Amino acid sequence: MSEVLTKAVEALNEKMAGGFDAGVAKFVIEGEGAIMLDADGARAGDEEADVTLTADVDTFQGMIEGDVNPTAAFMQGKLSVDGDMGLAMQLGSALS
């Protein structure tokens, strides 16, 4: 697992203590890999998900650190969402 993915998993687990019990989300970090987020927390993986969010490293890092608003990133085309948009919005609110 790349250092970027390792740090992202750690950051998501800190930010989403207790996991994400609304469904299964997948973050695809372009050029690095994918992270799964569910009720058990975050982990590296590339499995089926209710919603898939795709962004570059800088956008993803900015969302985790609170510097990038997920909704704004989506509107600017920096974040793509495939699947359950309602779930994506819940996740965006939890990350903000």
PDB file of N, CA and C in Angstrom:
ATOM      1  N   MET A   1       0.857  -1.177   0.000  1.00  0.00           N
ATOM      2  CA  MET A   1       0.000   0.000   0.000  1.00  0.00           C
ATOM      3  C   MET A   1       0.900   1.235   0.000  1.00  0.00           C
ATOM      4  N   SER A   2       0.535   2.210  -0.824  1.00  0.00           N
ATOM      5  CA  SER A   2       1.346   3.417  -0.930  1.00  0.00           C
ATOM      6  C   SER A   2       1.250   4.245   0.350  1.00  0.00           C
ATOM      7  N   GLU A   3       2.222   5.118   0.531  1.00  0.00           N
ATOM      8  CA  GLU A   3       2.230   5.989   1.706  1.00  0.00           C
ATOM      9  C   GLU A   3       1.007   6.911   1.704  1.00  0.00           C
ATOM     10  N   VAL A   4       0.609   7.370   0.527  1.00  0.00           N
ATOM     11  CA  VAL A   4      -0.568   8.231   0.410  1.00  0.00           C
ATOM     12  C   VAL A   4      -1.801   7.502   0.920  1.00  0.00           C
ATOM     13  N   LEU A   5      -1.990   6.246   0.489  1.00  0.00           N
ATOM     14  CA  LEU A   5      -3.151   5.477   0.947  1.00  0.00           C
ATOM     15  C   LEU A   5      -3.085   5.208   2.443  1.00  0.00           C
ATOM     16  N   THR A   6      -1.913   4.874   2.944  1.00  0.00           N
ATOM     17  CA  THR A   6      -1.761   4.603   4.373  1.00  0.00           C
ATOM     18  C   THR A   6      -2.161   5.821   5.193  1.00  0.00           C
ATOM     19  N   LYS A   7      -1.654   6.991   4.808  1.00  0.00           N
ATOM     20  CA  LYS A   7      -1.988   8.225   5.535  1.00  0.00           C
ATOM     21  C   LYS A   7      -3.470   8.566   5.396  1.00  0.00           C
ATOM     22  N   ALA A   8      -4.030   8.328   4.216  1.00  0.00           N
ATOM     23  CA  ALA A   8      -5.444   8.630   3.999  1.00  0.00           C
ATOM     24  C   ALA A   8      -6.336   7.736   4.851  1.00  0.00           C
ATOM     25  N   VAL A   9      -5.988   6.457   4.948  1.00  0.00           N
ATOM     26  CA  VAL A   9      -6.755   5.526   5.789  1.00  0.00           C
ATOM     27  C   VAL A   9      -6.701   5.981   7.242  1.00  0.00           C
ATOM     28  N   GLU A  10      -5.503   6.338   7.717  1.00  0.00           N
ATOM     29  CA  GLU A  10      -5.355   6.808   9.100  1.00  0.00           C
ATOM     30  C   GLU A  10      -6.187   8.067   9.340  1.00  0.00           C
ATOM     31  N   ALA A  11      -6.122   9.012   8.412  1.00  0.00           N
ATOM     32  CA  ALA A  11      -6.853  10.272   8.570  1.00  0.00           C
ATOM     33  C   ALA A  11      -8.364  10.039   8.559  1.00  0.00           C
ATOM     34  N   LEU A  12      -8.836   9.166   7.673  1.00  0.00           N
ATOM     35  CA  LEU A  12     -10.271   8.871   7.627  1.00  0.00           C
ATOM     36  C   LEU A  12     -10.734   8.187   8.903  1.00  0.00           C
ATOM     37  N   ASN A  13      -9.923   7.275   9.416  1.00  0.00           N
ATOM     38  CA  ASN A  13     -10.307   6.586  10.650  1.00  0.00           C
ATOM     39  C   ASN A  13     -10.360   7.553  11.833  1.00  0.00           C
ATOM     40  N   GLU A  14      -9.474   8.544  11.863  1.00  0.00           N
ATOM     41  CA  GLU A  14      -9.522   9.559  12.918  1.00  0.00           C
ATOM     42  C   GLU A  14     -10.758  10.438  12.759  1.00  0.00           C
ATOM     43  N   LYS A  15     -10.996  10.893  11.543  1.00  0.00           N
ATOM     44  CA  LYS A  15     -12.103  11.810  11.281  1.00  0.00           C
ATOM     45  C   LYS A  15     -13.463  11.128  11.415  1.00  0.00           C
ATOM     46  N   MET A  16     -13.541   9.866  11.049  1.00  0.00           N
ATOM     47  CA  MET A  16     -14.809   9.133  11.051  1.00  0.00           C
ATOM     48  C   MET A  16     -14.803   8.074  12.157  1.00  0.00           C
ATOM     49  N   ALA A  17     -14.365   8.463  13.335  1.00  0.00           N
ATOM     50  CA  ALA A  17     -14.311   7.522  14.465  1.00  0.00           C
ATOM     51  C   ALA A  17     -15.663   6.835  14.597  1.00  0.00           C
ATOM     52  N   GLY A  18     -15.643   5.531  14.669  1.00  0.00           N
ATOM     53  CA  GLY A  18     -16.891   4.771  14.745  1.00  0.00           C
ATOM     54  C   GLY A  18     -17.381   4.313  13.389  1.00  0.00           C
ATOM     55  N   GLY A  19     -16.667   4.692  12.325  1.00  0.00           N
ATOM     56  CA  GLY A  19     -17.031   4.237  10.993  1.00  0.00           C
ATOM     57  C   GLY A  19     -18.135   5.061  10.367  1.00  0.00           C
ATOM     58  N   PHE A  20     -18.651   4.555   9.268  1.00  0.00           N
ATOM     59  CA  PHE A  20     -19.692   5.206   8.491  1.00  0.00           C
ATOM     60  C   PHE A  20     -20.810   4.202   8.311  1.00  0.00           C
ATOM     61  N   ASP A  21     -21.837   4.321   9.142  1.00  0.00           N
ATOM     62  CA  ASP A  21     -22.863   3.279   9.161  1.00  0.00           C
ATOM     63  C   ASP A  21     -24.024   3.519   8.209  1.00  0.00           C
ATOM     64  N   ALA A  22     -23.948   4.546   7.366  1.00  0.00           N
ATOM     65  CA  ALA A  22     -25.032   4.828   6.428  1.00  0.00           C
ATOM     66  C   ALA A  22     -24.940   3.973   5.164  1.00  0.00           C
ATOM     67  N   GLY A  23     -23.826   3.298   4.965  1.00  0.00           N
ATOM     68  CA  GLY A  23     -23.629   2.485   3.768  1.00  0.00           C
ATOM     69  C   GLY A  23     -22.161   2.218   3.559  1.00  0.00           C
ATOM     70  N   VAL A  24     -21.822   1.854   2.327  1.00  0.00           N
ATOM     71  CA  VAL A  24     -20.436   1.559   1.973  1.00  0.00           C
ATOM     72  C   VAL A  24     -19.989   2.568   0.918  1.00  0.00           C
ATOM     73  N   ALA A  25     -18.890   3.250   1.209  1.00  0.00           N
ATOM     74  CA  ALA A  25     -18.351   4.244   0.290  1.00  0.00           C
ATOM     75  C   ALA A  25     -16.949   3.825  -0.141  1.00  0.00           C
ATOM     76  N   LYS A  26     -16.616   4.201  -1.369  1.00  0.00           N
ATOM     77  CA  LYS A  26     -15.265   3.953  -1.871  1.00  0.00           C
ATOM     78  C   LYS A  26     -14.693   5.276  -2.349  1.00  0.00           C
ATOM     79  N   PHE A  27     -13.484   5.584  -1.887  1.00  0.00           N
ATOM     80  CA  PHE A  27     -12.742   6.744  -2.363  1.00  0.00           C
ATOM     81  C   PHE A  27     -11.679   6.228  -3.319  1.00  0.00           C
ATOM     82  N   VAL A  28     -11.697   6.708  -4.535  1.00  0.00           N
ATOM     83  CA  VAL A  28     -10.642   6.372  -5.496  1.00  0.00           C
ATOM     84  C   VAL A  28      -9.735   7.586  -5.594  1.00  0.00           C
ATOM     85  N   ILE A  29      -8.476   7.394  -5.212  1.00  0.00           N
ATOM     86  CA  ILE A  29      -7.486   8.467  -5.298  1.00  0.00           C
ATOM     87  C   ILE A  29      -6.676   8.195  -6.559  1.00  0.00           C
ATOM     88  N   GLU A  30      -6.850   9.059  -7.543  1.00  0.00           N
ATOM     89  CA  GLU A  30      -6.239   8.846  -8.847  1.00  0.00           C
ATOM     90  C   GLU A  30      -4.732   8.629  -8.727  1.00  0.00           C
ATOM     91  N   GLY A  31      -4.255   7.553  -9.343  1.00  0.00           N
ATOM     92  CA  GLY A  31      -2.838   7.231  -9.351  1.00  0.00           C
ATOM     93  C   GLY A  31      -2.342   6.541  -8.092  1.00  0.00           C
ATOM     94  N   GLU A  32      -3.210   6.344  -7.096  1.00  0.00           N
ATOM     95  CA  GLU A  32      -2.785   5.752  -5.827  1.00  0.00           C
ATOM     96  C   GLU A  32      -3.537   4.462  -5.483  1.00  0.00           C
ATOM     97  N   GLY A  33      -4.842   4.437  -5.689  1.00  0.00           N
ATOM     98  CA  GLY A  33      -5.633   3.266  -5.336  1.00  0.00           C
ATOM     99  C   GLY A  33      -6.954   3.675  -4.723  1.00  0.00           C
ATOM    100  N   ALA A  34      -7.550   2.749  -3.966  1.00  0.00           N
ATOM    101  CA  ALA A  34      -8.887   2.994  -3.418  1.00  0.00           C
ATOM    102  C   ALA A  34      -8.945   2.684  -1.936  1.00  0.00           C
ATOM    103  N   ILE A  35      -9.874   3.361  -1.275  1.00  0.00           N
ATOM    104  CA  ILE A  35     -10.121   3.182   0.158  1.00  0.00           C
ATOM    105  C   ILE A  35     -11.602   2.895   0.341  1.00  0.00           C
ATOM    106  N   MET A  36     -11.899   1.889   1.127  1.00  0.00           N
ATOM    107  CA  MET A  36     -13.277   1.540   1.461  1.00  0.00           C
ATOM    108  C   MET A  36     -13.609   2.140   2.818  1.00  0.00           C
ATOM    109  N   LEU A  37     -14.833   2.631   2.969  1.00  0.00           N
ATOM    110  CA  LEU A  37     -15.292   3.188   4.234  1.00  0.00           C
ATOM    111  C   LEU A  37     -16.675   2.636   4.525  1.00  0.00           C
ATOM    112  N   ASP A  38     -16.806   1.983   5.691  1.00  0.00           N
ATOM    113  CA  ASP A  38     -18.097   1.431   6.096  1.00  0.00           C
ATOM    114  C   ASP A  38     -18.203   1.481   7.616  1.00  0.00           C
ATOM    115  N   ALA A  39     -19.122   0.720   8.179  1.00  0.00           N
ATOM    116  CA  ALA A  39     -19.347   0.745   9.631  1.00  0.00           C
ATOM    117  C   ALA A  39     -18.118   0.305  10.421  1.00  0.00           C
ATOM    118  N   ASP A  40     -17.222  -0.458   9.789  1.00  0.00           N
ATOM    119  CA  ASP A  40     -15.996  -0.911  10.459  1.00  0.00           C
ATOM    120  C   ASP A  40     -14.863   0.099  10.364  1.00  0.00           C
ATOM    121  N   GLY A  41     -15.052   1.177   9.605  1.00  0.00           N
ATOM    122  CA  GLY A  41     -14.008   2.178   9.440  1.00  0.00           C
ATOM    123  C   GLY A  41     -13.433   2.165   8.041  1.00  0.00           C
ATOM    124  N   ALA A  42     -12.268   2.768   7.884  1.00  0.00           N
ATOM    125  CA  ALA A  42     -11.605   2.881   6.583  1.00  0.00           C
ATOM    126  C   ALA A  42     -10.502   1.839   6.459  1.00  0.00           C
ATOM    127  N   ARG A  43     -10.323   1.354   5.225  1.00  0.00           N
ATOM    128  CA  ARG A  43      -9.261   0.395   4.925  1.00  0.00           C
ATOM    129  C   ARG A  43      -8.959   0.465   3.431  1.00  0.00           C
ATOM    130  N   ALA A  44      -7.761   0.105   3.057  1.00  0.00           N
ATOM    131  CA  ALA A  44      -7.434   0.032   1.640  1.00  0.00           C
ATOM    132  C   ALA A  44      -8.227  -1.117   1.036  1.00  0.00           C
ATOM    133  N   GLY A  45      -8.757  -0.913  -0.144  1.00  0.00           N
ATOM    134  CA  GLY A  45      -9.516  -1.962  -0.813  1.00  0.00           C
ATOM    135  C   GLY A  45     -10.214  -1.412  -2.033  1.00  0.00           C
ATOM    136  N   ASP A  46     -10.695  -2.304  -2.854  1.00  0.00           N
ATOM    137  CA  ASP A  46     -11.387  -1.911  -4.079  1.00  0.00           C
ATOM    138  C   ASP A  46     -12.535  -2.891  -4.302  1.00  0.00           C
ATOM    139  N   GLU A  47     -13.602  -2.683  -3.538  1.00  0.00           N
ATOM    140  CA  GLU A  47     -14.733  -3.600  -3.559  1.00  0.00           C
ATOM    141  C   GLU A  47     -15.984  -2.866  -4.040  1.00  0.00           C
ATOM    142  N   GLU A  48     -17.093  -3.574  -4.116  1.00  0.00           N
ATOM    143  CA  GLU A  48     -18.378  -2.959  -4.453  1.00  0.00           C
ATOM    144  C   GLU A  48     -18.738  -1.939  -3.372  1.00  0.00           C
ATOM    145  N   ALA A  49     -19.357  -0.840  -3.785  1.00  0.00           N
ATOM    146  CA  ALA A  49     -19.753   0.202  -2.833  1.00  0.00           C
ATOM    147  C   ALA A  49     -21.066   0.824  -3.280  1.00  0.00           C
ATOM    148  N   ASP A  50     -21.761   1.437  -2.328  1.00  0.00           N
ATOM    149  CA  ASP A  50     -23.003   2.143  -2.640  1.00  0.00           C
ATOM    150  C   ASP A  50     -22.719   3.442  -3.382  1.00  0.00           C
ATOM    151  N   VAL A  51     -21.576   4.041  -3.086  1.00  0.00           N
ATOM    152  CA  VAL A  51     -21.170   5.277  -3.744  1.00  0.00           C
ATOM    153  C   VAL A  51     -19.644   5.272  -3.897  1.00  0.00           C
ATOM    154  N   THR A  52     -19.178   5.764  -5.038  1.00  0.00           N
ATOM    155  CA  THR A  52     -17.744   5.873  -5.303  1.00  0.00           C
ATOM    156  C   THR A  52     -17.415   7.331  -5.581  1.00  0.00           C
ATOM    157  N   LEU A  53     -16.455   7.843  -4.820  1.00  0.00           N
ATOM    158  CA  LEU A  53     -16.002   9.224  -4.993  1.00  0.00           C
ATOM    159  C   LEU A  53     -14.580   9.182  -5.534  1.00  0.00           C
ATOM    160  N   THR A  54     -14.329   9.903  -6.614  1.00  0.00           N
ATOM    161  CA  THR A  54     -13.028   9.886  -7.262  1.00  0.00           C
ATOM    162  C   THR A  54     -12.451  11.290  -7.305  1.00  0.00           C
ATOM    163  N   ALA A  55     -11.198  11.412  -6.870  1.00  0.00           N
ATOM    164  CA  ALA A  55     -10.522  12.714  -6.866  1.00  0.00           C
ATOM    165  C   ALA A  55      -9.019  12.497  -6.967  1.00  0.00           C
ATOM    166  N   ASP A  56      -8.302  13.583  -7.273  1.00  0.00           N
ATOM    167  CA  ASP A  56      -6.844  13.487  -7.260  1.00  0.00           C
ATOM    168  C   ASP A  56      -6.349  13.594  -5.810  1.00  0.00           C
ATOM    169  N   VAL A  57      -5.072  13.383  -5.633  1.00  0.00           N
ATOM    170  CA  VAL A  57      -4.486  13.370  -4.295  1.00  0.00           C
ATOM    171  C   VAL A  57      -4.712  14.693  -3.570  1.00  0.00           C
ATOM    172  N   ASP A  58      -4.461  15.803  -4.251  1.00  0.00           N
ATOM    173  CA  ASP A  58      -4.583  17.116  -3.601  1.00  0.00           C
ATOM    174  C   ASP A  58      -6.016  17.404  -3.149  1.00  0.00           C
ATOM    175  N   THR A  59      -6.987  17.074  -3.988  1.00  0.00           N
ATOM    176  CA  THR A  59      -8.391  17.306  -3.630  1.00  0.00           C
ATOM    177  C   THR A  59      -8.787  16.438  -2.451  1.00  0.00           C
ATOM    178  N   PHE A  60      -8.401  15.174  -2.492  1.00  0.00           N
ATOM    179  CA  PHE A  60      -8.744  14.262  -1.401  1.00  0.00           C
ATOM    180  C   PHE A  60      -8.116  14.731  -0.092  1.00  0.00           C
ATOM    181  N   GLN A  61      -6.834  15.080  -0.139  1.00  0.00           N
ATOM    182  CA  GLN A  61      -6.154  15.577   1.066  1.00  0.00           C
ATOM    183  C   GLN A  61      -6.840  16.815   1.603  1.00  0.00           C
ATOM    184  N   GLY A  62      -7.213  17.725   0.717  1.00  0.00           N
ATOM    185  CA  GLY A  62      -7.885  18.947   1.128  1.00  0.00           C
ATOM    186  C   GLY A  62      -9.216  18.669   1.801  1.00  0.00           C
ATOM    187  N   MET A  63      -9.954  17.675   1.297  1.00  0.00           N
ATOM    188  CA  MET A  63     -11.230  17.319   1.928  1.00  0.00           C
ATOM    189  C   MET A  63     -11.006  16.754   3.325  1.00  0.00           C
ATOM    190  N   ILE A  64     -10.014  15.897   3.473  1.00  0.00           N
ATOM    191  CA  ILE A  64      -9.721  15.285   4.773  1.00  0.00           C
ATOM    192  C   ILE A  64      -9.272  16.350   5.782  1.00  0.00           C
ATOM    193  N   GLU A  65      -8.458  17.302   5.315  1.00  0.00           N
ATOM    194  CA  GLU A  65      -7.923  18.335   6.203  1.00  0.00           C
ATOM    195  C   GLU A  65      -8.909  19.469   6.447  1.00  0.00           C
ATOM    196  N   GLY A  66     -10.026  19.472   5.716  1.00  0.00           N
ATOM    197  CA  GLY A  66     -11.023  20.511   5.898  1.00  0.00           C
ATOM    198  C   GLY A  66     -10.772  21.765   5.089  1.00  0.00           C
ATOM    199  N   ASP A  67      -9.777  21.732   4.196  1.00  0.00           N
ATOM    200  CA  ASP A  67      -9.464  22.893   3.371  1.00  0.00           C
ATOM    201  C   ASP A  67     -10.294  22.945   2.092  1.00  0.00           C
ATOM    202  N   VAL A  68     -10.831  21.797   1.679  1.00  0.00           N
ATOM    203  CA  VAL A  68     -11.623  21.709   0.455  1.00  0.00           C
ATOM    204  C   VAL A  68     -13.017  21.220   0.817  1.00  0.00           C
ATOM    205  N   ASN A  69     -14.015  21.985   0.445  1.00  0.00           N
ATOM    206  CA  ASN A  69     -15.402  21.596   0.669  1.00  0.00           C
ATOM    207  C   ASN A  69     -15.784  20.553  -0.381  1.00  0.00           C
ATOM    208  N   PRO A  70     -16.245  19.356   0.044  1.00  0.00           N
ATOM    209  CA  PRO A  70     -16.586  18.306  -0.918  1.00  0.00           C
ATOM    210  C   PRO A  70     -17.633  18.744  -1.948  1.00  0.00           C
ATOM    211  N   THR A  71     -18.632  19.514  -1.537  1.00  0.00           N
ATOM    212  CA  THR A  71     -19.658  19.971  -2.476  1.00  0.00           C
ATOM    213  C   THR A  71     -19.054  20.915  -3.508  1.00  0.00           C
ATOM    214  N   ALA A  72     -18.207  21.823  -3.060  1.00  0.00           N
ATOM    215  CA  ALA A  72     -17.543  22.745  -3.977  1.00  0.00           C
ATOM    216  C   ALA A  72     -16.637  21.982  -4.943  1.00  0.00           C
ATOM    217  N   ALA A  73     -15.921  20.977  -4.438  1.00  0.00           N
ATOM    218  CA  ALA A  73     -15.041  20.168  -5.293  1.00  0.00           C
ATOM    219  C   ALA A  73     -15.863  19.463  -6.373  1.00  0.00           C
ATOM    220  N   PHE A  74     -17.036  18.957  -5.992  1.00  0.00           N
ATOM    221  CA  PHE A  74     -17.915  18.299  -6.954  1.00  0.00           C
ATOM    222  C   PHE A  74     -18.383  19.294  -8.012  1.00  0.00           C
ATOM    223  N   MET A  75     -18.817  20.466  -7.577  1.00  0.00           N
ATOM    224  CA  MET A  75     -19.322  21.479  -8.511  1.00  0.00           C
ATOM    225  C   MET A  75     -18.229  21.985  -9.456  1.00  0.00           C
ATOM    226  N   GLN A  76     -16.978  21.965  -8.993  1.00  0.00           N
ATOM    227  CA  GLN A  76     -15.855  22.427  -9.814  1.00  0.00           C
ATOM    228  C   GLN A  76     -15.284  21.320 -10.691  1.00  0.00           C
ATOM    229  N   GLY A  77     -15.843  20.112 -10.583  1.00  0.00           N
ATOM    230  CA  GLY A  77     -15.362  18.994 -11.390  1.00  0.00           C
ATOM    231  C   GLY A  77     -14.110  18.332 -10.844  1.00  0.00           C
ATOM    232  N   LYS A  78     -13.727  18.652  -9.619  1.00  0.00           N
ATOM    233  CA  LYS A  78     -12.536  18.060  -9.007  1.00  0.00           C
ATOM    234  C   LYS A  78     -12.857  16.755  -8.289  1.00  0.00           C
ATOM    235  N   LEU A  79     -14.148  16.497  -8.062  1.00  0.00           N
ATOM    236  CA  LEU A  79     -14.607  15.291  -7.378  1.00  0.00           C
ATOM    237  C   LEU A  79     -15.759  14.712  -8.189  1.00  0.00           C
ATOM    238  N   SER A  80     -15.630  13.443  -8.564  1.00  0.00           N
ATOM    239  CA  SER A  80     -16.742  12.817  -9.271  1.00  0.00           C
ATOM    240  C   SER A  80     -17.406  11.813  -8.338  1.00  0.00           C
ATOM    241  N   VAL A  81     -18.722  11.668  -8.512  1.00  0.00           N
ATOM    242  CA  VAL A  81     -19.512  10.786  -7.670  1.00  0.00           C
ATOM    243  C   VAL A  81     -20.265   9.821  -8.567  1.00  0.00           C
ATOM    244  N   ASP A  82     -20.167   8.539  -8.243  1.00  0.00           N
ATOM    245  CA  ASP A  82     -20.886   7.513  -8.980  1.00  0.00           C
ATOM    246  C   ASP A  82     -21.667   6.682  -7.977  1.00  0.00           C
ATOM    247  N   GLY A  83     -22.983   6.677  -8.104  1.00  0.00           N
ATOM    248  CA  GLY A  83     -23.799   5.895  -7.182  1.00  0.00           C
ATOM    249  C   GLY A  83     -24.745   6.776  -6.396  1.00  0.00           C
ATOM    250  N   ASP A  84     -24.972   6.420  -5.161  1.00  0.00           N
ATOM    251  CA  ASP A  84     -25.970   7.046  -4.291  1.00  0.00           C
ATOM    252  C   ASP A  84     -25.562   8.469  -3.905  1.00  0.00           C
ATOM    253  N   MET A  85     -26.156   9.461  -4.573  1.00  0.00           N
ATOM    254  CA  MET A  85     -25.801  10.860  -4.323  1.00  0.00           C
ATOM    255  C   MET A  85     -26.177  11.285  -2.901  1.00  0.00           C
ATOM    256  N   GLY A  86     -27.274  10.782  -2.364  1.00  0.00           N
ATOM    257  CA  GLY A  86     -27.660  11.100  -0.990  1.00  0.00           C
ATOM    258  C   GLY A  86     -26.617  10.636   0.005  1.00  0.00           C
ATOM    259  N   LEU A  87     -26.077   9.455  -0.219  1.00  0.00           N
ATOM    260  CA  LEU A  87     -25.020   8.915   0.626  1.00  0.00           C
ATOM    261  C   LEU A  87     -23.751   9.764   0.500  1.00  0.00           C
ATOM    262  N   ALA A  88     -23.451  10.200  -0.718  1.00  0.00           N
ATOM    263  CA  ALA A  88     -22.294  11.066  -0.938  1.00  0.00           C
ATOM    264  C   ALA A  88     -22.439  12.374  -0.174  1.00  0.00           C
ATOM    265  N   MET A  89     -23.650  12.917  -0.152  1.00  0.00           N
ATOM    266  CA  MET A  89     -23.883  14.169   0.581  1.00  0.00           C
ATOM    267  C   MET A  89     -23.738  13.962   2.084  1.00  0.00           C
ATOM    268  N   GLN A  90     -24.205  12.823   2.609  1.00  0.00           N
ATOM    269  CA  GLN A  90     -24.023  12.519   4.037  1.00  0.00           C
ATOM    270  C   GLN A  90     -22.538  12.420   4.356  1.00  0.00           C
ATOM    271  N   LEU A  91     -21.816  11.763   3.487  1.00  0.00           N
ATOM    272  CA  LEU A  91     -20.380  11.595   3.695  1.00  0.00           C
ATOM    273  C   LEU A  91     -19.670  12.944   3.626  1.00  0.00           C
ATOM    274  N   GLY A  92     -20.061  13.780   2.673  1.00  0.00           N
ATOM    275  CA  GLY A  92     -19.477  15.115   2.559  1.00  0.00           C
ATOM    276  C   GLY A  92     -19.689  15.939   3.818  1.00  0.00           C
ATOM    277  N   SER A  93     -20.888  15.843   4.378  1.00  0.00           N
ATOM    278  CA  SER A  93     -21.174  16.569   5.619  1.00  0.00           C
ATOM    279  C   SER A  93     -20.325  16.043   6.766  1.00  0.00           C
ATOM    280  N   ALA A  94     -20.123  14.739   6.821  1.00  0.00           N
ATOM    281  CA  ALA A  94     -19.324  14.138   7.889  1.00  0.00           C
ATOM    282  C   ALA A  94     -17.857  14.528   7.764  1.00  0.00           C
ATOM    283  N   LEU A  95     -17.392  14.742   6.546  1.00  0.00           N
ATOM    284  CA  LEU A  95     -15.982  15.104   6.335  1.00  0.00           C
ATOM    285  C   LEU A  95     -15.737  16.585   6.595  1.00  0.00           C
ATOM    286  N   SER A  96     -16.760  17.398   6.483  1.00  0.00           N
ATOM    287  CA  SER A  96     -16.578  18.852   6.643  1.00  0.00           C
ATOM    288  C   SER A  96     -16.308  19.234   8.070  1.00  0.00           C
TER     289      SER A  96
END
